[in-house]
Amino acid sequence: MHSPCSLNIDVEWHTLKNTLQQAANEALGKRKKERHKRRLILWNGDIKNLIENKTKAYLRYLTTRSESDKLEYKRPVATVKRETRKI
């Protein structure tokens, strides 16, 4: 259990932390974090199949960590990039 001294320190720490945060928010304000997601504009069945194949190849590579599986993963990656650039 906590001793009276450690409870006092915890209370003091939380008070100090909250005071500093409040002062920083008042002086600097808060900014809303913007999230930008890159999205493929034209999504079709071909792209979906290519991405599924790429994901399967990646998971296979993660389980084996072999050089041949790594090369088998890089091929679908290049194909997906090439096809998305075409679109």
PDB file of N, CA and C in Angstrom:
ATOM      1  N   MET A   1       0.839  -1.175   0.000  1.00  0.00           N
ATOM      2  CA  MET A   1       0.000   0.000   0.000  1.00  0.00           C
ATOM      3  C   MET A   1       0.886   1.241   0.000  1.00  0.00           C
ATOM      4  N   HIS A   2       0.306   2.356  -0.224  1.00  0.00           N
ATOM      5  CA  HIS A   2       1.064   3.610  -0.286  1.00  0.00           C
ATOM      6  C   HIS A   2       1.227   4.200   1.099  1.00  0.00           C
ATOM      7  N   SER A   3       2.400   4.761   1.327  1.00  0.00           N
ATOM      8  CA  SER A   3       2.609   5.473   2.579  1.00  0.00           C
ATOM      9  C   SER A   3       2.084   6.891   2.403  1.00  0.00           C
ATOM     10  N   PRO A   4       1.804   7.603   3.495  1.00  0.00           N
ATOM     11  CA  PRO A   4       1.288   8.971   3.374  1.00  0.00           C
ATOM     12  C   PRO A   4       2.226   9.878   2.593  1.00  0.00           C
ATOM     13  N   CYS A   5       3.518   9.651   2.700  1.00  0.00           N
ATOM     14  CA  CYS A   5       4.488  10.480   1.994  1.00  0.00           C
ATOM     15  C   CYS A   5       4.403  10.259   0.491  1.00  0.00           C
ATOM     16  N   SER A   6       4.259   8.998   0.057  1.00  0.00           N
ATOM     17  CA  SER A   6       4.207   8.720  -1.373  1.00  0.00           C
ATOM     18  C   SER A   6       2.905   9.232  -1.982  1.00  0.00           C
ATOM     19  N   LEU A   7       1.810   9.196  -1.221  1.00  0.00           N
ATOM     20  CA  LEU A   7       0.546   9.750  -1.720  1.00  0.00           C
ATOM     21  C   LEU A   7       0.680  11.246  -1.926  1.00  0.00           C
ATOM     22  N   ASN A   8       1.351  11.906  -1.013  1.00  0.00           N
ATOM     23  CA  ASN A   8       1.542  13.341  -1.116  1.00  0.00           C
ATOM     24  C   ASN A   8       2.376  13.681  -2.354  1.00  0.00           C
ATOM     25  N   ILE A   9       3.395  12.893  -2.617  1.00  0.00           N
ATOM     26  CA  ILE A   9       4.237  13.123  -3.788  1.00  0.00           C
ATOM     27  C   ILE A   9       3.435  12.912  -5.061  1.00  0.00           C
ATOM     28  N   ASP A  10       2.606  11.863  -5.091  1.00  0.00           N
ATOM     29  CA  ASP A  10       1.770  11.599  -6.269  1.00  0.00           C
ATOM     30  C   ASP A  10       0.810  12.756  -6.524  1.00  0.00           C
ATOM     31  N   VAL A  11       0.208  13.258  -5.468  1.00  0.00           N
ATOM     32  CA  VAL A  11      -0.727  14.375  -5.611  1.00  0.00           C
ATOM     33  C   VAL A  11       0.007  15.613  -6.112  1.00  0.00           C
ATOM     34  N   GLU A  12       1.175  15.878  -5.555  1.00  0.00           N
ATOM     35  CA  GLU A  12       1.968  17.034  -5.980  1.00  0.00           C
ATOM     36  C   GLU A  12       2.375  16.903  -7.446  1.00  0.00           C
ATOM     37  N   TRP A  13       2.790  15.689  -7.856  1.00  0.00           N
ATOM     38  CA  TRP A  13       3.198  15.477  -9.234  1.00  0.00           C
ATOM     39  C   TRP A  13       2.037  15.716 -10.196  1.00  0.00           C
ATOM     40  N   HIS A  14       0.871  15.172  -9.890  1.00  0.00           N
ATOM     41  CA  HIS A  14      -0.292  15.356 -10.757  1.00  0.00           C
ATOM     42  C   HIS A  14      -0.711  16.824 -10.820  1.00  0.00           C
ATOM     43  N   THR A  15      -0.618  17.517  -9.705  1.00  0.00           N
ATOM     44  CA  THR A  15      -0.959  18.937  -9.690  1.00  0.00           C
ATOM     45  C   THR A  15       0.012  19.726 -10.558  1.00  0.00           C
ATOM     46  N   LEU A  16       1.299  19.461 -10.411  1.00  0.00           N
ATOM     47  CA  LEU A  16       2.313  20.143 -11.206  1.00  0.00           C
ATOM     48  C   LEU A  16       2.132  19.841 -12.693  1.00  0.00           C
ATOM     49  N   LYS A  17       1.923  18.576 -13.017  1.00  0.00           N
ATOM     50  CA  LYS A  17       1.766  18.171 -14.412  1.00  0.00           C
ATOM     51  C   LYS A  17       0.539  18.850 -15.031  1.00  0.00           C
ATOM     52  N   ASN A  18      -0.565  18.826 -14.339  1.00  0.00           N
ATOM     53  CA  ASN A  18      -1.790  19.434 -14.867  1.00  0.00           C
ATOM     54  C   ASN A  18      -1.653  20.947 -15.019  1.00  0.00           C
ATOM     55  N   THR A  19      -0.966  21.587 -14.079  1.00  0.00           N
ATOM     56  CA  THR A  19      -0.760  23.028 -14.157  1.00  0.00           C
ATOM     57  C   THR A  19       0.105  23.386 -15.363  1.00  0.00           C
ATOM     58  N   LEU A  20       1.180  22.629 -15.577  1.00  0.00           N
ATOM     59  CA  LEU A  20       2.054  22.884 -16.725  1.00  0.00           C
ATOM     60  C   LEU A  20       1.322  22.644 -18.046  1.00  0.00           C
ATOM     61  N   GLN A  21       0.534  21.587 -18.116  1.00  0.00           N
ATOM     62  CA  GLN A  21      -0.214  21.312 -19.338  1.00  0.00           C
ATOM     63  C   GLN A  21      -1.234  22.403 -19.619  1.00  0.00           C
ATOM     64  N   GLN A  22      -1.916  22.848 -18.597  1.00  0.00           N
ATOM     65  CA  GLN A  22      -2.922  23.900 -18.765  1.00  0.00           C
ATOM     66  C   GLN A  22      -2.256  25.206 -19.207  1.00  0.00           C
ATOM     67  N   ALA A  23      -1.121  25.546 -18.603  1.00  0.00           N
ATOM     68  CA  ALA A  23      -0.420  26.770 -18.989  1.00  0.00           C
ATOM     69  C   ALA A  23       0.078  26.681 -20.435  1.00  0.00           C
ATOM     70  N   ALA A  24       0.587  25.534 -20.833  1.00  0.00           N
ATOM     71  CA  ALA A  24       1.059  25.361 -22.207  1.00  0.00           C
ATOM     72  C   ALA A  24      -0.103  25.456 -23.188  1.00  0.00           C
ATOM     73  N   ASN A  25      -1.233  24.862 -22.851  1.00  0.00           N
ATOM     74  CA  ASN A  25      -2.402  24.940 -23.729  1.00  0.00           C
ATOM     75  C   ASN A  25      -2.912  26.369 -23.863  1.00  0.00           C
ATOM     76  N   GLU A  26      -2.892  27.126 -22.779  1.00  0.00           N
ATOM     77  CA  GLU A  26      -3.353  28.521 -22.834  1.00  0.00           C
ATOM     78  C   GLU A  26      -2.381  29.376 -23.646  1.00  0.00           C
ATOM     79  N   ALA A  27      -1.080  29.158 -23.455  1.00  0.00           N
ATOM     80  CA  ALA A  27      -0.091  29.982 -24.135  1.00  0.00           C
ATOM     81  C   ALA A  27       0.073  29.589 -25.604  1.00  0.00           C
ATOM     82  N   LEU A  28       0.072  28.310 -25.880  1.00  0.00           N
ATOM     83  CA  LEU A  28       0.369  27.839 -27.231  1.00  0.00           C
ATOM     84  C   LEU A  28      -0.863  27.398 -27.999  1.00  0.00           C
ATOM     85  N   GLY A  29      -1.892  27.013 -27.299  1.00  0.00           N
ATOM     86  CA  GLY A  29      -3.083  26.497 -27.950  1.00  0.00           C
ATOM     87  C   GLY A  29      -2.882  25.049 -28.355  1.00  0.00           C
ATOM     88  N   LYS A  30      -3.933  24.483 -28.909  1.00  0.00           N
ATOM     89  CA  LYS A  30      -3.864  23.102 -29.365  1.00  0.00           C
ATOM     90  C   LYS A  30      -4.080  23.077 -30.858  1.00  0.00           C
ATOM     91  N   ARG A  31      -3.392  22.151 -31.509  1.00  0.00           N
ATOM     92  CA  ARG A  31      -3.589  21.942 -32.933  1.00  0.00           C
ATOM     93  C   ARG A  31      -4.225  20.590 -33.141  1.00  0.00           C
ATOM     94  N   LYS A  32      -5.159  20.557 -34.039  1.00  0.00           N
ATOM     95  CA  LYS A  32      -5.777  19.293 -34.367  1.00  0.00           C
ATOM     96  C   LYS A  32      -4.841  18.545 -35.304  1.00  0.00           C
ATOM     97  N   LYS A  33      -4.572  17.301 -34.990  1.00  0.00           N
ATOM     98  CA  LYS A  33      -3.686  16.500 -35.799  1.00  0.00           C
ATOM     99  C   LYS A  33      -4.439  16.066 -37.047  1.00  0.00           C
ATOM    100  N   GLU A  34      -3.863  16.402 -38.189  1.00  0.00           N
ATOM    101  CA  GLU A  34      -4.487  16.040 -39.448  1.00  0.00           C
ATOM    102  C   GLU A  34      -3.907  14.731 -39.936  1.00  0.00           C
ATOM    103  N   ARG A  35      -4.776  13.858 -40.375  1.00  0.00           N
ATOM    104  CA  ARG A  35      -4.335  12.573 -40.903  1.00  0.00           C
ATOM    105  C   ARG A  35      -4.659  12.538 -42.384  1.00  0.00           C
ATOM    106  N   HIS A  36      -3.644  12.337 -43.156  1.00  0.00           N
ATOM    107  CA  HIS A  36      -3.821  12.236 -44.595  1.00  0.00           C
ATOM    108  C   HIS A  36      -3.541  10.797 -45.006  1.00  0.00           C
ATOM    109  N   LYS A  37      -4.517  10.199 -45.596  1.00  0.00           N
ATOM    110  CA  LYS A  37      -4.331   8.850 -46.097  1.00  0.00           C
ATOM    111  C   LYS A  37      -4.247   8.900 -47.609  1.00  0.00           C
ATOM    112  N   ARG A  38      -3.278   8.200 -48.135  1.00  0.00           N
ATOM    113  CA  ARG A  38      -3.192   8.087 -49.581  1.00  0.00           C
ATOM    114  C   ARG A  38      -4.187   7.028 -50.002  1.00  0.00           C
ATOM    115  N   ARG A  39      -5.052   7.395 -50.887  1.00  0.00           N
ATOM    116  CA  ARG A  39      -6.055   6.456 -51.347  1.00  0.00           C
ATOM    117  C   ARG A  39      -5.968   6.312 -52.855  1.00  0.00           C
ATOM    118  N   LEU A  40      -6.190   5.112 -53.292  1.00  0.00           N
ATOM    119  CA  LEU A  40      -6.212   4.839 -54.705  1.00  0.00           C
ATOM    120  C   LEU A  40      -7.555   5.309 -55.257  1.00  0.00           C
ATOM    121  N   ILE A  41      -7.510   6.168 -56.245  1.00  0.00           N
ATOM    122  CA  ILE A  41      -8.737   6.762 -56.751  1.00  0.00           C
ATOM    123  C   ILE A  41      -9.604   5.714 -57.444  1.00  0.00           C
ATOM    124  N   LEU A  42      -8.998   4.957 -58.312  1.00  0.00           N
ATOM    125  CA  LEU A  42      -9.758   3.932 -59.029  1.00  0.00           C
ATOM    126  C   LEU A  42      -9.430   2.565 -58.449  1.00  0.00           C
ATOM    127  N   TRP A  43     -10.351   2.019 -57.726  1.00  0.00           N
ATOM    128  CA  TRP A  43     -10.155   0.718 -57.108  1.00  0.00           C
ATOM    129  C   TRP A  43     -10.997  -0.275 -57.882  1.00  0.00           C
ATOM    130  N   ASN A  44     -10.365  -1.269 -58.450  1.00  0.00           N
ATOM    131  CA  ASN A  44     -11.120  -2.268 -59.181  1.00  0.00           C
ATOM    132  C   ASN A  44     -10.693  -3.661 -58.748  1.00  0.00           C
ATOM    133  N   GLY A  45     -11.330  -4.662 -59.333  1.00  0.00           N
ATOM    134  CA  GLY A  45     -11.051  -6.039 -58.951  1.00  0.00           C
ATOM    135  C   GLY A  45      -9.643  -6.469 -59.262  1.00  0.00           C
ATOM    136  N   ASP A  46      -9.083  -5.960 -60.366  1.00  0.00           N
ATOM    137  CA  ASP A  46      -7.712  -6.334 -60.721  1.00  0.00           C
ATOM    138  C   ASP A  46      -6.721  -5.860 -59.668  1.00  0.00           C
ATOM    139  N   ILE A  47      -6.860  -4.607 -59.256  1.00  0.00           N
ATOM    140  CA  ILE A  47      -5.967  -4.057 -58.227  1.00  0.00           C
ATOM    141  C   ILE A  47      -6.154  -4.812 -56.917  1.00  0.00           C
ATOM    142  N   LYS A  48      -7.394  -5.117 -56.590  1.00  0.00           N
ATOM    143  CA  LYS A  48      -7.671  -5.848 -55.352  1.00  0.00           C
ATOM    144  C   LYS A  48      -6.975  -7.207 -55.368  1.00  0.00           C
ATOM    145  N   ASN A  49      -7.068  -7.920 -56.486  1.00  0.00           N
ATOM    146  CA  ASN A  49      -6.414  -9.232 -56.596  1.00  0.00           C
ATOM    147  C   ASN A  49      -4.895  -9.110 -56.517  1.00  0.00           C
ATOM    148  N   LEU A  50      -4.343  -8.097 -57.169  1.00  0.00           N
ATOM    149  CA  LEU A  50      -2.893  -7.900 -57.108  1.00  0.00           C
ATOM    150  C   LEU A  50      -2.429  -7.635 -55.680  1.00  0.00           C
ATOM    151  N   ILE A  51      -3.184  -6.824 -54.952  1.00  0.00           N
ATOM    152  CA  ILE A  51      -2.808  -6.503 -53.570  1.00  0.00           C
ATOM    153  C   ILE A  51      -2.957  -7.730 -52.680  1.00  0.00           C
ATOM    154  N   GLU A  52      -3.989  -8.538 -52.913  1.00  0.00           N
ATOM    155  CA  GLU A  52      -4.139  -9.774 -52.138  1.00  0.00           C
ATOM    156  C   GLU A  52      -2.964 -10.718 -52.392  1.00  0.00           C
ATOM    157  N   ASN A  53      -2.544 -10.836 -53.652  1.00  0.00           N
ATOM    158  CA  ASN A  53      -1.388 -11.684 -53.968  1.00  0.00           C
ATOM    159  C   ASN A  53      -0.121 -11.147 -53.311  1.00  0.00           C
ATOM    160  N   LYS A  54       0.032  -9.840 -53.323  1.00  0.00           N
ATOM    161  CA  LYS A  54       1.198  -9.225 -52.693  1.00  0.00           C
ATOM    162  C   LYS A  54       1.197  -9.513 -51.199  1.00  0.00           C
ATOM    163  N   THR A  55       0.048  -9.415 -50.555  1.00  0.00           N
ATOM    164  CA  THR A  55      -0.056  -9.660 -49.118  1.00  0.00           C
ATOM    165  C   THR A  55       0.271 -11.112 -48.794  1.00  0.00           C
ATOM    166  N   LYS A  56      -0.246 -12.041 -49.599  1.00  0.00           N
ATOM    167  CA  LYS A  56       0.056 -13.453 -49.373  1.00  0.00           C
ATOM    168  C   LYS A  56       1.549 -13.728 -49.512  1.00  0.00           C
ATOM    169  N   ALA A  57       2.157 -13.134 -50.522  1.00  0.00           N
ATOM    170  CA  ALA A  57       3.596 -13.329 -50.729  1.00  0.00           C
ATOM    171  C   ALA A  57       4.387 -12.751 -49.561  1.00  0.00           C
ATOM    172  N   TYR A  58       3.950 -11.606 -49.035  1.00  0.00           N
ATOM    173  CA  TYR A  58       4.638 -10.992 -47.905  1.00  0.00           C
ATOM    174  C   TYR A  58       4.535 -11.871 -46.661  1.00  0.00           C
ATOM    175  N   LEU A  59       3.348 -12.394 -46.405  1.00  0.00           N
ATOM    176  CA  LEU A  59       3.173 -13.255 -45.235  1.00  0.00           C
ATOM    177  C   LEU A  59       4.004 -14.535 -45.371  1.00  0.00           C
ATOM    178  N   ARG A  60       4.089 -15.070 -46.576  1.00  0.00           N
ATOM    179  CA  ARG A  60       4.922 -16.245 -46.818  1.00  0.00           C
ATOM    180  C   ARG A  60       6.383 -15.909 -46.540  1.00  0.00           C
ATOM    181  N   TYR A  61       6.813 -14.733 -46.993  1.00  0.00           N
ATOM    182  CA  TYR A  61       8.190 -14.311 -46.749  1.00  0.00           C
ATOM    183  C   TYR A  61       8.459 -14.126 -45.253  1.00  0.00           C
ATOM    184  N   LEU A  62       7.494 -13.567 -44.537  1.00  0.00           N
ATOM    185  CA  LEU A  62       7.690 -13.363 -43.098  1.00  0.00           C
ATOM    186  C   LEU A  62       7.849 -14.680 -42.351  1.00  0.00           C
ATOM    187  N   THR A  63       7.136 -15.701 -42.795  1.00  0.00           N
ATOM    188  CA  THR A  63       7.241 -16.973 -42.078  1.00  0.00           C
ATOM    189  C   THR A  63       8.539 -17.701 -42.393  1.00  0.00           C
ATOM    190  N   THR A  64       9.024 -17.608 -43.646  1.00  0.00           N
ATOM    191  CA  THR A  64      10.223 -18.373 -44.004  1.00  0.00           C
ATOM    192  C   THR A  64      11.504 -17.557 -43.940  1.00  0.00           C
ATOM    193  N   ARG A  65      11.415 -16.280 -44.269  1.00  0.00           N
ATOM    194  CA  ARG A  65      12.586 -15.392 -44.326  1.00  0.00           C
ATOM    195  C   ARG A  65      13.641 -15.895 -45.311  1.00  0.00           C
ATOM    196  N   SER A  66      13.197 -16.615 -46.329  1.00  0.00           N
ATOM    197  CA  SER A  66      14.154 -17.118 -47.322  1.00  0.00           C
ATOM    198  C   SER A  66      14.315 -16.098 -48.443  1.00  0.00           C
ATOM    199  N   GLU A  67      15.446 -16.169 -49.088  1.00  0.00           N
ATOM    200  CA  GLU A  67      15.748 -15.223 -50.158  1.00  0.00           C
ATOM    201  C   GLU A  67      14.830 -15.431 -51.358  1.00  0.00           C
ATOM    202  N   SER A  68      14.480 -16.673 -51.630  1.00  0.00           N
ATOM    203  CA  SER A  68      13.584 -16.937 -52.770  1.00  0.00           C
ATOM    204  C   SER A  68      12.192 -16.371 -52.525  1.00  0.00           C
ATOM    205  N   ASP A  69      11.703 -16.491 -51.291  1.00  0.00           N
ATOM    206  CA  ASP A  69      10.388 -15.909 -50.972  1.00  0.00           C
ATOM    207  C   ASP A  69      10.439 -14.388 -50.997  1.00  0.00           C
ATOM    208  N   LYS A  70      11.589 -13.833 -50.673  1.00  0.00           N
ATOM    209  CA  LYS A  70      11.735 -12.381 -50.741  1.00  0.00           C
ATOM    210  C   LYS A  70      11.612 -11.913 -52.190  1.00  0.00           C
ATOM    211  N   LEU A  71      12.252 -12.629 -53.093  1.00  0.00           N
ATOM    212  CA  LEU A  71      12.143 -12.291 -54.513  1.00  0.00           C
ATOM    213  C   LEU A  71      10.716 -12.491 -55.017  1.00  0.00           C
ATOM    214  N   GLU A  72      10.063 -13.541 -54.535  1.00  0.00           N
ATOM    215  CA  GLU A  72       8.667 -13.783 -54.923  1.00  0.00           C
ATOM    216  C   GLU A  72       7.748 -12.701 -54.381  1.00  0.00           C
ATOM    217  N   TYR A  73       8.132 -12.041 -53.306  1.00  0.00           N
ATOM    218  CA  TYR A  73       7.355 -10.932 -52.763  1.00  0.00           C
ATOM    219  C   TYR A  73       7.612  -9.649 -53.551  1.00  0.00           C
ATOM    220  N   LYS A  74       8.837  -9.436 -53.980  1.00  0.00           N
ATOM    221  CA  LYS A  74       9.175  -8.196 -54.685  1.00  0.00           C
ATOM    222  C   LYS A  74       8.481  -8.097 -56.040  1.00  0.00           C
ATOM    223  N   ARG A  75       8.238  -9.228 -56.676  1.00  0.00           N
ATOM    224  CA  ARG A  75       7.555  -9.203 -57.976  1.00  0.00           C
ATOM    225  C   ARG A  75       6.152  -8.623 -57.868  1.00  0.00           C
ATOM    226  N   PRO A  76       5.301  -9.110 -56.950  1.00  0.00           N
ATOM    227  CA  PRO A  76       3.967  -8.503 -56.835  1.00  0.00           C
ATOM    228  C   PRO A  76       4.004  -7.041 -56.399  1.00  0.00           C
ATOM    229  N   VAL A  77       5.003  -6.669 -55.592  1.00  0.00           N
ATOM    230  CA  VAL A  77       5.122  -5.270 -55.187  1.00  0.00           C
ATOM    231  C   VAL A  77       5.326  -4.391 -56.420  1.00  0.00           C
ATOM    232  N   ALA A  78       6.236  -4.822 -57.287  1.00  0.00           N
ATOM    233  CA  ALA A  78       6.509  -4.054 -58.505  1.00  0.00           C
ATOM    234  C   ALA A  78       5.284  -4.025 -59.411  1.00  0.00           C
ATOM    235  N   THR A  79       4.572  -5.147 -59.485  1.00  0.00           N
ATOM    236  CA  THR A  79       3.381  -5.209 -60.337  1.00  0.00           C
ATOM    237  C   THR A  79       2.304  -4.259 -59.839  1.00  0.00           C
ATOM    238  N   VAL A  80       2.085  -4.232 -58.534  1.00  0.00           N
ATOM    239  CA  VAL A  80       1.072  -3.335 -57.958  1.00  0.00           C
ATOM    240  C   VAL A  80       1.452  -1.887 -58.228  1.00  0.00           C
ATOM    241  N   LYS A  81       2.706  -1.540 -58.030  1.00  0.00           N
ATOM    242  CA  LYS A  81       3.146  -0.165 -58.285  1.00  0.00           C
ATOM    243  C   LYS A  81       2.941   0.212 -59.746  1.00  0.00           C
ATOM    244  N   ARG A  82       3.320  -0.690 -60.623  1.00  0.00           N
ATOM    245  CA  ARG A  82       3.194  -0.414 -62.056  1.00  0.00           C
ATOM    246  C   ARG A  82       1.733  -0.228 -62.460  1.00  0.00           C
ATOM    247  N   GLU A  83       0.861  -1.085 -61.984  1.00  0.00           N
ATOM    248  CA  GLU A  83      -0.557  -1.005 -62.346  1.00  0.00           C
ATOM    249  C   GLU A  83      -1.234   0.221 -61.759  1.00  0.00           C
ATOM    250  N   THR A  84      -0.864   0.585 -60.520  1.00  0.00           N
ATOM    251  CA  THR A  84      -1.477   1.779 -59.927  1.00  0.00           C
ATOM    252  C   THR A  84      -1.005   3.051 -60.631  1.00  0.00           C
ATOM    253  N   ARG A  85       0.223   3.059 -61.103  1.00  0.00           N
ATOM    254  CA  ARG A  85       0.697   4.219 -61.869  1.00  0.00           C
ATOM    255  C   ARG A  85      -0.063   4.362 -63.187  1.00  0.00           C
ATOM    256  N   LYS A  86      -0.393   3.216 -63.794  1.00  0.00           N
ATOM    257  CA  LYS A  86      -1.149   3.246 -65.050  1.00  0.00           C
ATOM    258  C   LYS A  86      -2.526   3.888 -64.839  1.00  0.00           C
ATOM    259  N   ILE A  87      -3.123   3.548 -63.719  1.00  0.00           N
ATOM    260  CA  ILE A  87      -4.468   4.083 -63.429  1.00  0.00           C
ATOM    261  C   ILE A  87      -4.367   5.571 -63.156  1.00  0.00           C
TER     262      ILE A  87
END
